[in-house]
N, C-alpha and C. Protein backbone atom coordinates (compact mmCIF):
# COMPACT_ATOMS: atom_id res chain seq x y z
N MET A 1 12.34 -3.39 7.82
CA MET A 1 11.20 -3.40 8.70
C MET A 1 11.30 -4.64 9.59
N SER A 2 10.95 -4.47 10.84
CA SER A 2 10.93 -5.66 11.70
C SER A 2 9.69 -5.59 12.59
N LEU A 3 8.68 -6.30 12.17
CA LEU A 3 7.45 -6.41 12.94
C LEU A 3 7.57 -7.58 13.90
N ALA A 4 6.95 -7.45 15.04
CA ALA A 4 6.93 -8.57 15.99
C ALA A 4 6.09 -9.70 15.41
N PHE A 5 6.47 -10.93 15.70
CA PHE A 5 5.72 -12.08 15.21
C PHE A 5 5.79 -13.19 16.24
N ASP A 6 4.82 -14.09 16.17
CA ASP A 6 4.75 -15.21 17.11
C ASP A 6 5.35 -16.49 16.53
N ILE A 7 5.15 -16.69 15.24
CA ILE A 7 5.66 -17.88 14.56
C ILE A 7 6.31 -17.46 13.25
N GLU A 8 7.46 -18.07 12.94
CA GLU A 8 8.16 -17.81 11.69
C GLU A 8 8.11 -19.08 10.85
N LEU A 9 7.76 -18.91 9.57
CA LEU A 9 7.64 -20.04 8.65
C LEU A 9 8.55 -19.81 7.46
N ASP A 10 9.50 -20.70 7.25
CA ASP A 10 10.44 -20.59 6.12
C ASP A 10 9.96 -21.50 4.99
N THR A 11 9.48 -20.88 3.90
CA THR A 11 9.05 -21.65 2.73
C THR A 11 9.98 -21.41 1.55
N CYS A 12 11.19 -20.93 1.83
CA CYS A 12 12.15 -20.66 0.75
C CYS A 12 12.43 -21.94 -0.02
N GLY A 13 12.44 -21.82 -1.34
CA GLY A 13 12.69 -22.97 -2.21
C GLY A 13 11.42 -23.69 -2.63
N LEU A 14 10.29 -23.35 -2.02
CA LEU A 14 9.02 -23.99 -2.38
C LEU A 14 8.25 -23.11 -3.35
N ASN A 15 7.56 -23.73 -4.28
CA ASN A 15 6.76 -23.00 -5.26
C ASN A 15 5.28 -23.13 -4.95
N CYS A 16 4.51 -22.24 -5.54
CA CYS A 16 3.06 -22.21 -5.38
C CYS A 16 2.49 -23.58 -5.71
N PRO A 17 1.60 -24.10 -4.92
CA PRO A 17 0.87 -23.47 -3.82
C PRO A 17 1.42 -23.79 -2.44
N LEU A 18 2.60 -24.40 -2.35
CA LEU A 18 3.11 -24.86 -1.05
C LEU A 18 3.29 -23.75 -0.01
N PRO A 19 3.81 -22.55 -0.34
CA PRO A 19 3.91 -21.52 0.71
C PRO A 19 2.55 -21.18 1.33
N ILE A 20 1.52 -21.08 0.50
CA ILE A 20 0.17 -20.79 1.00
C ILE A 20 -0.36 -21.94 1.85
N LEU A 21 -0.18 -23.16 1.38
CA LEU A 21 -0.68 -24.32 2.12
C LEU A 21 0.00 -24.45 3.48
N LYS A 22 1.30 -24.23 3.52
CA LYS A 22 2.02 -24.31 4.79
C LYS A 22 1.61 -23.17 5.72
N ALA A 23 1.39 -21.98 5.16
CA ALA A 23 0.94 -20.85 5.97
C ALA A 23 -0.45 -21.13 6.54
N LYS A 24 -1.32 -21.68 5.73
CA LYS A 24 -2.68 -22.01 6.18
C LYS A 24 -2.62 -22.99 7.34
N LYS A 25 -1.77 -24.00 7.21
CA LYS A 25 -1.62 -25.00 8.28
C LYS A 25 -1.09 -24.35 9.56
N SER A 26 -0.11 -23.47 9.43
CA SER A 26 0.43 -22.79 10.61
C SER A 26 -0.61 -21.90 11.27
N LEU A 27 -1.38 -21.18 10.45
CA LEU A 27 -2.38 -20.27 11.00
C LEU A 27 -3.45 -21.03 11.79
N THR A 28 -3.77 -22.25 11.38
CA THR A 28 -4.80 -23.01 12.11
C THR A 28 -4.34 -23.41 13.51
N THR A 29 -3.03 -23.43 13.75
CA THR A 29 -2.52 -23.79 15.07
C THR A 29 -2.37 -22.56 15.97
N MET A 30 -2.58 -21.38 15.41
CA MET A 30 -2.36 -20.13 16.14
C MET A 30 -3.65 -19.61 16.75
N SER A 31 -3.50 -18.76 17.76
CA SER A 31 -4.65 -18.10 18.38
C SER A 31 -4.97 -16.83 17.62
N SER A 32 -6.20 -16.39 17.74
CA SER A 32 -6.64 -15.15 17.10
C SER A 32 -5.75 -14.00 17.56
N GLY A 33 -5.30 -13.18 16.61
CA GLY A 33 -4.46 -12.03 16.93
C GLY A 33 -2.96 -12.29 16.85
N GLN A 34 -2.56 -13.56 16.82
CA GLN A 34 -1.14 -13.87 16.70
C GLN A 34 -0.66 -13.57 15.29
N VAL A 35 0.65 -13.31 15.16
CA VAL A 35 1.24 -12.92 13.88
C VAL A 35 2.17 -14.01 13.36
N LEU A 36 1.98 -14.33 12.07
CA LEU A 36 2.82 -15.29 11.35
C LEU A 36 3.71 -14.53 10.39
N LYS A 37 5.01 -14.81 10.45
CA LYS A 37 5.96 -14.25 9.48
C LYS A 37 6.34 -15.38 8.52
N VAL A 38 6.15 -15.13 7.22
CA VAL A 38 6.48 -16.12 6.20
C VAL A 38 7.64 -15.61 5.37
N MET A 39 8.63 -16.46 5.15
CA MET A 39 9.74 -16.16 4.25
C MET A 39 9.57 -17.05 3.03
N ALA A 40 9.61 -16.45 1.84
CA ALA A 40 9.39 -17.20 0.61
C ALA A 40 10.32 -16.72 -0.49
N THR A 41 10.57 -17.58 -1.47
CA THR A 41 11.35 -17.20 -2.64
C THR A 41 10.52 -17.31 -3.92
N ASP A 42 9.30 -17.82 -3.80
CA ASP A 42 8.40 -17.94 -4.96
C ASP A 42 8.04 -16.55 -5.45
N PRO A 43 8.33 -16.23 -6.73
CA PRO A 43 8.05 -14.89 -7.26
C PRO A 43 6.59 -14.46 -7.16
N GLY A 44 5.67 -15.40 -7.08
CA GLY A 44 4.26 -15.06 -6.97
C GLY A 44 3.76 -14.94 -5.54
N ALA A 45 4.64 -15.08 -4.57
CA ALA A 45 4.23 -15.12 -3.16
C ALA A 45 3.50 -13.86 -2.71
N MET A 46 3.99 -12.70 -3.08
CA MET A 46 3.38 -11.44 -2.63
C MET A 46 1.93 -11.38 -3.12
N ARG A 47 1.72 -11.65 -4.37
CA ARG A 47 0.38 -11.62 -4.95
C ARG A 47 -0.50 -12.71 -4.34
N ASP A 48 0.07 -13.91 -4.19
CA ASP A 48 -0.68 -15.03 -3.64
C ASP A 48 -1.16 -14.75 -2.21
N PHE A 49 -0.30 -14.16 -1.39
CA PHE A 49 -0.68 -13.89 0.00
C PHE A 49 -1.70 -12.75 0.09
N GLN A 50 -1.68 -11.82 -0.85
CA GLN A 50 -2.72 -10.78 -0.88
C GLN A 50 -4.07 -11.43 -1.13
N ALA A 51 -4.14 -12.32 -2.09
CA ALA A 51 -5.40 -13.03 -2.41
C ALA A 51 -5.82 -13.93 -1.24
N PHE A 52 -4.86 -14.60 -0.63
CA PHE A 52 -5.13 -15.50 0.49
C PHE A 52 -5.75 -14.72 1.66
N ALA A 53 -5.21 -13.55 1.94
CA ALA A 53 -5.74 -12.72 3.03
C ALA A 53 -7.19 -12.32 2.75
N LYS A 54 -7.46 -11.92 1.53
CA LYS A 54 -8.83 -11.51 1.16
C LYS A 54 -9.80 -12.69 1.28
N GLN A 55 -9.37 -13.87 0.88
CA GLN A 55 -10.24 -15.05 0.89
C GLN A 55 -10.49 -15.57 2.30
N THR A 56 -9.51 -15.45 3.19
CA THR A 56 -9.62 -16.09 4.50
C THR A 56 -9.99 -15.13 5.62
N GLY A 57 -9.84 -13.83 5.40
CA GLY A 57 -10.13 -12.86 6.46
C GLY A 57 -8.97 -12.63 7.40
N ASN A 58 -7.84 -13.30 7.17
CA ASN A 58 -6.64 -13.01 7.96
C ASN A 58 -6.07 -11.69 7.46
N GLU A 59 -5.47 -10.92 8.36
CA GLU A 59 -4.99 -9.59 8.01
C GLU A 59 -3.55 -9.63 7.50
N LEU A 60 -3.36 -9.09 6.30
CA LEU A 60 -2.01 -8.96 5.74
C LEU A 60 -1.42 -7.68 6.32
N LEU A 61 -0.45 -7.81 7.21
CA LEU A 61 0.11 -6.65 7.90
C LEU A 61 1.16 -5.93 7.07
N ALA A 62 2.03 -6.70 6.41
CA ALA A 62 3.12 -6.09 5.64
C ALA A 62 3.74 -7.13 4.72
N GLN A 63 4.38 -6.61 3.67
CA GLN A 63 5.16 -7.44 2.76
C GLN A 63 6.39 -6.64 2.38
N GLU A 64 7.52 -7.31 2.28
CA GLU A 64 8.73 -6.64 1.81
C GLU A 64 9.65 -7.62 1.12
N THR A 65 10.56 -7.08 0.33
CA THR A 65 11.55 -7.89 -0.36
C THR A 65 12.89 -7.67 0.32
N GLU A 66 13.59 -8.77 0.58
CA GLU A 66 14.91 -8.71 1.21
C GLU A 66 15.83 -9.61 0.38
N GLY A 67 16.58 -8.99 -0.52
CA GLY A 67 17.40 -9.78 -1.44
C GLY A 67 16.51 -10.59 -2.35
N ASP A 68 16.68 -11.92 -2.33
CA ASP A 68 15.86 -12.78 -3.18
C ASP A 68 14.68 -13.39 -2.41
N ARG A 69 14.47 -12.90 -1.19
CA ARG A 69 13.38 -13.43 -0.36
C ARG A 69 12.25 -12.42 -0.23
N PHE A 70 11.06 -12.94 -0.08
CA PHE A 70 9.88 -12.13 0.18
C PHE A 70 9.45 -12.42 1.61
N LEU A 71 9.21 -11.36 2.37
CA LEU A 71 8.79 -11.50 3.76
C LEU A 71 7.34 -11.03 3.87
N ILE A 72 6.53 -11.83 4.52
CA ILE A 72 5.10 -11.54 4.63
C ILE A 72 4.69 -11.73 6.09
N TRP A 73 3.97 -10.74 6.63
CA TRP A 73 3.45 -10.83 7.98
C TRP A 73 1.93 -10.86 7.92
N MET A 74 1.34 -11.85 8.57
CA MET A 74 -0.12 -11.99 8.59
C MET A 74 -0.60 -12.15 10.03
N ARG A 75 -1.72 -11.50 10.34
CA ARG A 75 -2.33 -11.65 11.67
C ARG A 75 -3.52 -12.60 11.56
N ARG A 76 -3.54 -13.59 12.44
CA ARG A 76 -4.64 -14.59 12.46
C ARG A 76 -5.94 -13.91 12.85
N ARG A 77 -6.98 -14.19 12.11
CA ARG A 77 -8.29 -13.59 12.39
C ARG A 77 -8.90 -14.16 13.65
């Protein structure tokens, strides 16, 4: 899958809660409607980003696994 995105964030090698914290920081610099693509290797990333989207109101567009990486697309609210 290849969704269009405005900013790409590589959090590979970082463990919870750093991928979420870095994503939150990136989202605050973005305009409403822009898309953030996050790459992560933390096994809990998919679950963590689902919860993060529910808590913050940002839209979780898609998640997929690519080898040992997890790819997450979020739209800024």
